[in-house]
Protein backbone atom coordinates (compact mmCIF):
# COMPACT_ATOMS: atom_id res chain seq x y z
CA MET A 1 42.97 98.18 88.57
CA LYS A 2 40.71 95.60 88.58
CA LYS A 3 42.80 93.52 86.50
CA PHE A 4 44.83 93.36 89.92
CA VAL A 5 42.30 93.45 92.49
CA ASN A 6 38.64 92.05 92.74
CA LEU A 7 36.43 95.01 92.89
CA GLU A 8 33.06 93.51 92.48
CA LYS A 9 31.99 93.18 95.77
CA TYR A 10 33.97 96.49 97.69
CA MET A 11 34.55 99.05 94.89
CA PRO A 12 36.12 102.25 96.00
CA ASN A 13 35.29 105.33 95.91
CA LYS A 14 38.07 106.62 94.67
CA ALA A 15 41.40 104.88 94.13
CA LYS A 16 45.73 105.52 93.47
CA TRP A 17 47.70 102.58 92.82
CA ILE A 18 50.63 101.62 91.42
CA TYR A 19 52.02 98.69 89.27
CA SER A 20 56.19 98.11 89.69
CA LYS A 21 57.32 95.25 87.74
CA ILE A 22 60.54 93.60 89.63
CA GLY A 23 63.89 92.35 87.97
CA ASN A 24 64.99 92.47 84.23
CA ALA A 25 62.20 91.91 82.32
CA SER A 26 60.90 94.25 79.45
CA ASP A 27 59.26 94.43 76.47
CA ARG A 28 62.53 93.54 74.30
CA VAL A 29 64.62 91.49 77.12
CA PRO A 30 62.30 88.37 78.54
CA GLY A 31 63.06 87.56 82.41
CA PRO A 32 60.76 86.86 85.51
CA THR A 33 57.36 88.38 85.78
CA ASP A 34 57.37 89.56 89.15
CA TYR A 35 55.55 92.52 90.38
CA VAL A 36 54.31 94.72 93.11
CA PHE A 37 50.99 96.10 93.56
CA LYS A 38 50.49 99.14 95.70
CA ALA A 39 46.81 100.61 96.39
CA GLU A 40 45.28 103.06 98.44
CA MET A 41 41.29 102.93 98.31
CA GLN A 42 38.98 105.47 99.79
CA PHE A 43 35.61 103.71 100.70
CA SER A 44 32.78 104.92 102.64
CA PRO A 45 32.73 103.88 106.33
CA LYS A 46 29.67 101.71 105.98
CA THR A 47 32.07 99.67 103.39
CA ILE A 48 34.83 100.13 105.38
CA GLU A 49 32.98 98.42 108.36
CA GLN A 50 31.39 95.78 105.96
CA ILE A 51 34.97 94.61 105.51
CA ARG A 52 36.06 94.43 108.72
CA GLN A 53 32.31 92.40 109.25
CA ASP A 54 33.08 90.17 106.31
CA TYR A 55 37.01 89.37 106.88
CA LEU A 56 35.72 87.68 110.18
CA LEU A 57 34.19 85.01 108.62
CA PHE A 58 37.79 84.06 107.52
CA SER A 59 39.89 81.85 110.12
CA VAL A 60 43.11 83.40 108.75
CA ALA A 61 46.01 84.42 111.67
CA PRO A 62 47.06 87.78 111.31
CA LYS A 63 50.26 88.84 109.89
CA PRO A 64 52.73 90.93 111.28
CA PHE A 65 52.55 94.98 110.42
CA PHE A 66 55.80 96.21 108.89
CA LYS A 67 55.05 100.38 108.43
CA GLU A 68 57.44 100.20 106.02
CA ASP A 69 55.16 98.07 103.57
CA PHE A 70 52.64 100.69 103.31
CA GLN A 71 54.68 103.66 103.20
CA PHE A 72 53.68 104.48 99.58
CA GLU A 73 55.32 107.41 98.10
CA TRP A 74 51.42 109.22 97.55
CA LEU A 75 50.23 109.49 100.85
CA SER A 76 49.77 112.84 102.73
CA LYS A 77 52.10 113.88 105.61
CA THR A 78 48.57 113.33 107.70
CA GLN A 79 48.28 109.54 106.80
CA MET A 80 52.48 109.09 107.44
CA LYS A 81 51.90 110.44 110.50
CA LYS A 82 48.91 108.11 111.38
CA LEU A 83 51.08 105.19 109.99
CA ASP A 84 53.79 105.93 112.56
CA SER A 85 51.59 106.26 115.36
CA ASP A 86 48.92 103.95 115.57
CA LYS A 87 48.87 100.24 115.32
CA PHE A 88 46.87 98.27 112.62
CA PHE A 89 45.75 94.87 112.28
CA VAL A 90 47.12 93.37 109.22
CA TYR A 91 44.67 91.62 107.04
CA VAL A 92 45.38 89.01 104.34
CA PRO A 93 43.93 90.44 101.21
CA VAL A 94 41.74 87.65 100.62
CA LEU A 95 38.46 89.69 100.12
CA PHE A 96 40.15 91.73 97.35
CA GLY A 97 41.02 88.13 95.45
CA VAL A 98 44.44 88.22 96.20
CA LYS A 99 46.48 85.02 96.52
CA GLU A 100 50.45 86.27 96.61
CA ARG A 101 52.18 87.86 99.07
CA GLY A 102 50.51 90.51 100.78
CA SER A 103 48.05 92.27 103.12
CA PHE A 104 46.16 95.45 103.52
CA ILE A 105 45.47 97.42 106.40
CA ILE A 106 42.48 99.65 107.41
CA LEU A 107 44.51 103.17 107.66
CA ASP A 108 40.84 105.24 109.07
CA ASN A 109 37.51 104.77 108.57
CA LYS A 110 37.45 105.20 104.58
CA THR A 111 41.19 104.33 103.76
CA VAL A 112 42.20 101.11 103.04
CA LEU A 113 46.06 100.56 101.76
CA LEU A 114 46.91 97.59 99.97
CA ARG A 115 49.97 96.13 98.87
CA TYR A 116 51.16 91.99 97.55
CA SER A 117 54.03 91.18 95.34
CA THR A 118 54.52 87.38 93.26
CA SER A 119 58.17 87.61 94.67
């Protein structure tokens, strides 16, 4: 996971993530190297608050929220229900060293959902 996200400042207590290639690239067939990265990261409530505070230092416009972007296959029913019922502030993932197209939301006082892609 450290290959895709900078975890030096915010090390999760627990994480689930998936990396998926997009396009026809394989080990035998050259092609685009685009990919999608999705992660669910568990932090302490104190770290979540620090992420919120640190984000205020950036003058970045908020992004629109598309819940479909964060409906990861492995999320629990409770988490999916929360995604459906709540409105979220969508953060640009600069705090995690991500420069590609992406965003993250703070699902609750300990969970961050991060998604980005290169295409």
